[in-house]
Amino acid sequence: MFPTVRTPWAVIAAYAATVLIWGTTWLGIKFSLASIPPIAGAGFRFILAGLALYAAGFALRVDLRKQAPPWHLIIVLALTMFGLNYALTYLAETRLASGLVAVLFGTMPFFIFAFAHLMVGERATRETLAGALLALAGVATISLVGDVRGGILFIGEALLASASSAFANVYLKRFAQADPLATLPPAMLIAGLGLAASGLAFEHIDRAAALSLPSLFALAYLAFGGSALAFYLNHWLLQRIPSGVMGLSALMIPVIAVAVGILVGGERFGMRDVLGALLVVAGVWLSLGRPLPVIRPAVAVSERTLPAGAPGG
């Protein structure tokens, strides 16, 4: 089903592409929010992404009946990985700079450690706990004394989105048995339809703005690049590299997001915001000084079905 390319350069290129895509989607969300309200925008994104992955599965002749995952897995992913996670991320970006939301979301490895401890008995190291405290200090700096225009509510939304995504990844690592192209599309479609319906019911959508060229370009990039392609590359890489190596992208994605927000999006950060962001990145670095723990599934699962806890936007 997946390409069989195994050269180091192909792996490096795929890894770099994944990091760059997920490092730029945060600003893409900000651009999308200029013309489409948050809940509807997230919904449209995952409807398109789900359809794109279904098309890929059809082209690659994936047998959806034989490879079908359990429905409880699809529902959990729809609610947590693609539903609550992205709804809160989009809402947070209505008031916070895209780079800072990415930095806050970079705390996701700590939530993965916590859920792994509770769900599968993994124990965090002293480095992990020290890194978590350092990152918490960074979050507090941004939240309590930073120059961010917004409030603790929106910072809490970003952190809750991070926790939701972490739970989804641990759950998927425990129970995933089906092909990714059979698992991700239905979860994306369920989440997308639910979010889109909620957005159409409760949000005001300016059709002219939503159908403008910049709006459609941002939506297409988020759907096909930031969702369909990035998640596909994530699975492809995990056939070839350890999940801990993939998890190190948590260090690079927020840095790229902050840089892109400043250089392209015209976002500005006060010195306290920068200090808080650096503390979060330093905490993640300290925590990931050792590879992320490989969470053993409850049943026999091939390594390629286990996605990393990558903090994609």
Protein backbone atom coordinates (compact mmCIF):
# COMPACT_ATOMS: atom_id res chain seq x y z
CA MET A 1 0.00 0.00 0.00
CA PHE A 2 2.71 2.43 0.96
CA PRO A 3 5.67 3.30 -1.30
CA THR A 4 8.64 1.01 -0.71
CA VAL A 5 11.34 3.68 -1.07
CA ARG A 6 13.91 3.12 1.67
CA THR A 7 16.79 5.46 0.81
CA PRO A 8 17.99 7.78 3.60
CA TRP A 9 17.42 10.80 1.40
CA ALA A 10 13.78 9.88 0.88
CA VAL A 11 13.30 9.57 4.64
CA ILE A 12 15.05 12.90 5.25
CA ALA A 13 12.95 14.60 2.58
CA ALA A 14 9.70 13.19 3.98
CA TYR A 15 10.66 14.18 7.55
CA ALA A 16 11.59 17.70 6.47
CA ALA A 17 8.37 18.04 4.49
CA THR A 18 6.26 16.94 7.45
CA VAL A 19 7.95 19.38 9.83
CA LEU A 20 7.71 22.25 7.34
CA ILE A 21 4.04 21.55 6.59
CA TRP A 22 3.01 21.34 10.23
CA GLY A 23 5.19 24.35 11.03
CA THR A 24 3.32 26.51 8.51
CA THR A 25 -0.26 25.31 9.02
CA TRP A 26 -0.60 27.51 12.12
CA LEU A 27 -0.33 30.63 9.98
CA GLY A 28 -2.58 28.96 7.42
CA ILE A 29 -5.24 28.67 10.12
CA LYS A 30 -4.82 32.38 10.88
CA PHE A 31 -5.33 33.25 7.20
CA SER A 32 -8.35 30.96 6.97
CA LEU A 33 -9.93 32.60 10.02
CA ALA A 34 -9.91 35.93 8.21
CA SER A 35 -12.71 34.68 5.94
CA ILE A 36 -14.22 31.56 7.54
CA PRO A 37 -15.28 31.31 11.21
CA PRO A 38 -13.35 28.78 13.31
CA ILE A 39 -15.73 25.86 13.77
CA ALA A 40 -16.94 25.87 10.18
CA GLY A 41 -13.40 26.31 8.90
CA ALA A 42 -12.15 23.28 10.82
CA GLY A 43 -15.13 21.29 9.57
CA PHE A 44 -14.60 22.16 5.90
CA ARG A 45 -10.92 21.28 6.29
CA PHE A 46 -11.54 17.75 7.48
CA ILE A 47 -14.35 17.03 5.05
CA LEU A 48 -11.94 17.78 2.21
CA ALA A 49 -9.07 15.90 3.90
CA GLY A 50 -11.23 12.84 4.54
CA LEU A 51 -12.40 12.76 0.93
CA ALA A 52 -8.82 13.15 -0.29
CA LEU A 53 -7.64 10.19 1.80
CA TYR A 54 -10.59 8.09 0.63
CA ALA A 55 -9.54 8.90 -2.94
CA ALA A 56 -5.96 7.88 -2.11
CA GLY A 57 -7.19 4.63 -0.59
CA PHE A 58 -9.26 3.92 -3.67
CA ALA A 59 -6.30 4.66 -5.95
CA LEU A 60 -4.07 2.36 -3.88
CA ARG A 61 -6.79 -0.32 -3.83
CA VAL A 62 -7.21 -0.46 -0.07
CA ASP A 63 -9.90 -2.99 0.85
CA LEU A 64 -11.98 -0.95 3.31
CA ARG A 65 -14.05 -3.97 4.34
CA LYS A 66 -11.11 -6.19 5.23
CA GLN A 67 -9.03 -3.36 6.69
CA ALA A 68 -11.88 -1.65 8.54
CA PRO A 69 -10.89 -0.55 12.07
CA PRO A 70 -13.17 -0.94 15.09
CA TRP A 71 -15.82 1.75 15.26
CA HIS A 72 -14.87 2.80 18.78
CA LEU A 73 -11.44 3.81 17.44
CA ILE A 74 -12.98 5.91 14.66
CA ILE A 75 -15.34 7.64 17.10
CA VAL A 76 -12.55 8.43 19.58
CA LEU A 77 -10.36 9.84 16.80
CA ALA A 78 -13.25 11.87 15.40
CA LEU A 79 -14.04 13.36 18.81
CA THR A 80 -10.51 13.96 20.10
CA MET A 81 -7.90 14.05 17.35
CA PHE A 82 -9.92 15.89 14.70
CA GLY A 83 -12.94 17.30 16.55
CA LEU A 84 -12.20 18.83 19.95
CA ASN A 85 -8.51 19.26 19.15
CA TYR A 86 -8.95 21.38 16.04
CA ALA A 87 -12.06 23.22 17.21
CA LEU A 88 -10.11 24.49 20.23
CA THR A 89 -7.01 25.23 18.16
CA TYR A 90 -8.99 27.34 15.70
CA LEU A 91 -10.76 29.15 18.55
CA ALA A 92 -7.45 29.86 20.28
CA GLU A 93 -6.06 31.39 17.12
CA THR A 94 -8.92 33.89 16.96
CA ARG A 95 -7.17 35.77 19.80
CA LEU A 96 -3.60 34.47 20.04
CA ALA A 97 -0.72 34.68 17.58
CA SER A 98 -0.35 31.53 15.52
CA GLY A 99 3.24 31.03 16.66
CA LEU A 100 2.31 31.14 20.34
CA VAL A 101 -0.52 28.64 19.83
CA ALA A 102 2.02 26.34 18.18
CA VAL A 103 4.40 26.76 21.14
CA LEU A 104 1.62 25.99 23.62
CA PHE A 105 0.63 22.97 21.55
CA GLY A 106 4.26 21.86 21.72
CA THR A 107 3.58 20.74 25.29
CA MET A 108 1.75 17.73 23.84
CA PRO A 109 4.58 15.24 24.57
CA PHE A 110 4.05 15.85 28.29
CA PHE A 111 0.37 14.98 27.97
CA ILE A 112 1.40 11.87 26.04
CA PHE A 113 3.65 10.84 28.95
CA ALA A 114 0.80 11.41 31.41
CA PHE A 115 -1.77 9.44 29.42
CA ALA A 116 0.76 6.70 28.73
CA HIS A 117 1.35 6.39 32.47
CA LEU A 118 -2.37 6.19 33.21
CA MET A 119 -3.40 3.99 30.29
CA VAL A 120 -0.48 1.64 29.71
CA GLY A 121 1.69 1.99 32.82
CA GLU A 122 4.60 3.92 31.29
CA ARG A 123 6.68 5.87 33.81
CA ALA A 124 8.09 9.32 33.14
CA THR A 125 11.78 9.96 33.76
CA ARG A 126 13.23 12.71 35.94
CA GLU A 127 14.20 14.55 32.77
CA THR A 128 10.59 14.39 31.64
CA LEU A 129 9.30 15.85 34.90
CA ALA A 130 11.97 18.57 34.91
CA GLY A 131 11.12 19.43 31.31
CA ALA A 132 7.42 19.55 32.14
CA LEU A 133 8.06 22.00 34.98
CA LEU A 134 10.24 24.17 32.74
CA ALA A 135 7.59 24.21 30.02
CA LEU A 136 4.93 24.98 32.63
CA ALA A 137 6.99 27.99 33.68
CA GLY A 138 7.01 29.10 30.06
CA VAL A 139 3.25 28.71 29.77
CA ALA A 140 2.82 30.70 32.99
CA THR A 141 5.06 33.45 31.62
CA ILE A 142 2.99 33.70 28.47
CA SER A 143 -0.32 33.40 30.32
CA LEU A 144 0.19 35.65 33.31
CA VAL A 145 2.69 38.32 32.36
CA GLY A 146 2.98 38.15 28.59
CA ASP A 147 1.93 40.71 26.02
CA VAL A 148 -0.51 38.37 24.33
CA ARG A 149 -3.78 39.99 23.33
CA GLY A 150 -6.25 37.52 24.65
CA GLY A 151 -6.77 35.80 27.93
CA ILE A 152 -6.13 32.71 29.93
CA LEU A 153 -9.28 31.20 28.40
CA PHE A 154 -7.68 31.06 24.94
CA ILE A 155 -4.38 29.78 26.32
CA GLY A 156 -6.35 27.10 28.13
CA GLU A 157 -8.04 26.19 24.85
CA ALA A 158 -4.66 25.63 23.19
CA LEU A 159 -3.47 23.47 26.08
CA LEU A 160 -6.71 21.47 26.13
CA ALA A 161 -6.34 20.93 22.38
CA SER A 162 -2.85 19.60 23.03
CA ALA A 163 -4.16 17.23 25.71
CA SER A 164 -6.97 16.04 23.43
CA SER A 165 -4.53 15.23 20.64
CA ALA A 166 -2.21 13.44 23.08
CA PHE A 167 -5.05 11.24 24.35
CA ALA A 168 -6.02 10.40 20.77
CA ASN A 169 -2.49 9.33 19.89
CA VAL A 170 -2.11 7.11 22.96
CA TYR A 171 -5.51 5.54 22.30
CA LEU A 172 -4.61 4.94 18.67
CA LYS A 173 -1.29 3.36 19.63
CA ARG A 174 -3.11 0.95 21.93
CA PHE A 175 -5.85 -0.14 19.56
CA ALA A 176 -4.92 0.64 15.95
CA GLN A 177 -5.02 -2.53 13.87
CA ALA A 178 -6.27 -1.34 10.50
CA ASP A 179 -4.60 0.41 7.63
CA PRO A 180 -4.20 4.20 8.16
CA LEU A 181 -6.06 4.88 4.90
CA ALA A 182 -8.99 2.91 6.31
CA THR A 183 -8.81 4.53 9.76
CA LEU A 184 -8.20 8.23 9.18
CA PRO A 185 -10.73 9.06 6.40
CA PRO A 186 -13.93 8.07 8.26
CA ALA A 187 -12.73 9.75 11.47
CA MET A 188 -11.93 12.93 9.54
CA LEU A 189 -15.28 12.90 7.76
CA ILE A 190 -17.30 12.38 10.95
CA ALA A 191 -15.44 15.18 12.69
CA GLY A 192 -15.62 17.42 9.64
CA LEU A 193 -19.36 16.95 9.14
CA GLY A 194 -20.06 17.55 12.82
CA LEU A 195 -17.95 20.70 12.97
CA ALA A 196 -19.28 22.04 9.68
CA ALA A 197 -22.89 21.48 10.77
CA SER A 198 -22.23 23.28 14.06
CA GLY A 199 -20.52 26.13 12.26
CA LEU A 200 -23.32 26.55 9.73
CA ALA A 201 -25.88 26.52 12.55
CA PHE A 202 -24.21 28.92 14.98
CA GLU A 203 -21.65 30.97 13.06
CA HIS A 204 -22.13 33.67 10.46
CA ILE A 205 -20.35 32.84 7.21
CA ASP A 206 -19.72 35.56 4.65
CA ARG A 207 -20.05 33.57 1.45
CA ALA A 208 -18.20 36.11 -0.67
CA ALA A 209 -15.23 36.11 1.72
CA ALA A 210 -15.30 32.33 2.16
CA LEU A 211 -15.25 31.77 -1.60
CA SER A 212 -12.51 34.32 -2.27
CA LEU A 213 -9.27 33.06 -3.78
CA PRO A 214 -7.11 33.61 -0.64
CA SER A 215 -9.70 31.81 1.49
CA LEU A 216 -9.93 28.83 -0.85
CA PHE A 217 -6.14 28.64 -1.13
CA ALA A 218 -5.71 28.60 2.66
CA LEU A 219 -8.44 25.97 3.05
CA ALA A 220 -6.94 23.79 0.33
CA TYR A 221 -3.48 23.99 1.90
CA LEU A 222 -4.81 23.06 5.34
CA ALA A 223 -6.93 20.20 4.00
CA PHE A 224 -4.67 18.61 1.42
CA GLY A 225 -1.27 19.61 2.78
CA GLY A 226 -1.70 20.04 6.52
CA SER A 227 -4.10 17.13 6.99
CA ALA A 228 -4.15 14.53 4.20
CA LEU A 229 -0.51 14.69 3.07
CA ALA A 230 1.05 15.36 6.47
CA PHE A 231 -0.75 12.49 8.19
CA TYR A 232 0.13 10.19 5.29
CA LEU A 233 3.82 11.16 5.52
CA ASN A 234 3.69 10.66 9.28
CA HIS A 235 2.62 7.03 8.82
CA TRP A 236 5.09 6.51 5.96
CA LEU A 237 7.96 7.69 8.16
CA LEU A 238 6.98 5.43 11.02
CA GLN A 239 7.64 2.45 8.78
CA ARG A 240 11.27 3.53 8.69
CA ILE A 241 12.22 5.51 11.82
CA PRO A 242 11.46 5.14 15.56
CA SER A 243 8.46 6.99 16.93
CA GLY A 244 10.78 8.86 19.31
CA VAL A 245 12.67 10.37 16.37
CA MET A 246 9.37 11.46 14.85
CA GLY A 247 8.38 12.96 18.20
CA LEU A 248 11.41 15.26 18.09
CA SER A 249 9.52 17.29 15.50
CA ALA A 250 7.78 18.82 18.53
CA LEU A 251 10.94 20.87 19.01
CA MET A 252 11.09 22.21 15.46
CA ILE A 253 7.45 22.84 14.57
CA PRO A 254 6.84 25.68 17.09
CA VAL A 255 10.10 27.38 16.07
CA ILE A 256 9.06 27.31 12.42
CA ALA A 257 5.57 28.50 13.32
CA VAL A 258 6.90 31.48 15.30
CA ALA A 259 9.35 32.41 12.52
CA VAL A 260 6.69 32.13 9.81
CA GLY A 261 4.25 34.16 11.91
CA ILE A 262 6.76 36.97 12.29
CA LEU A 263 8.19 36.95 8.75
CA VAL A 264 5.02 36.28 6.75
CA GLY A 265 2.09 36.99 9.05
CA GLY A 266 3.35 40.23 10.56
CA GLU A 267 2.84 38.93 14.09
CA ARG A 268 4.66 40.68 16.92
CA PHE A 269 5.88 39.28 20.20
CA GLY A 270 6.92 41.06 23.38
CA MET A 271 10.08 40.04 25.19
CA ARG A 272 8.07 38.18 27.84
CA ASP A 273 6.26 36.25 25.15
CA VAL A 274 9.59 35.29 23.57
CA LEU A 275 10.99 34.26 26.98
CA GLY A 276 7.94 32.11 27.68
CA ALA A 277 8.19 30.47 24.25
CA LEU A 278 11.88 29.73 24.80
CA LEU A 279 11.10 28.14 28.17
CA VAL A 280 8.48 25.89 26.57
CA VAL A 281 10.87 24.83 23.79
CA ALA A 282 13.67 24.25 26.33
CA GLY A 283 11.33 22.13 28.44
CA VAL A 284 10.37 20.00 25.46
CA TRP A 285 14.05 19.63 24.55
CA LEU A 286 14.94 18.50 28.07
CA SER A 287 12.04 16.07 28.13
CA LEU A 288 12.90 14.61 24.74
CA GLY A 289 16.58 14.25 25.51
CA ARG A 290 15.67 10.58 25.47
CA PRO A 291 13.38 9.11 22.82
CA LEU A 292 9.67 9.15 23.46
CA PRO A 293 8.53 5.89 25.03
CA VAL A 294 7.22 3.33 22.58
CA ILE A 295 3.76 2.48 23.86
CA ARG A 296 3.12 -1.19 23.48
CA PRO A 297 -0.33 -1.95 22.07
CA ALA A 298 -2.73 -4.21 23.92
CA VAL A 299 -2.83 -6.47 20.88
CA ALA A 300 -0.30 -7.34 18.24
CA VAL A 301 0.07 -4.33 15.99
CA SER A 302 2.60 -3.78 13.25
CA GLU A 303 5.00 -0.86 13.86
CA ARG A 304 3.86 1.04 10.77
CA THR A 305 0.35 1.49 12.20
CA LEU A 306 1.62 3.42 15.23
CA PRO A 307 1.56 7.16 14.56
CA ALA A 308 3.80 9.51 16.50
CA GLY A 309 2.35 12.17 18.72
CA ALA A 310 3.30 14.87 16.25
CA PRO A 311 1.86 18.32 17.10
CA GLY A 312 0.42 19.09 13.76
CA GLY A 313 -1.58 22.28 13.22
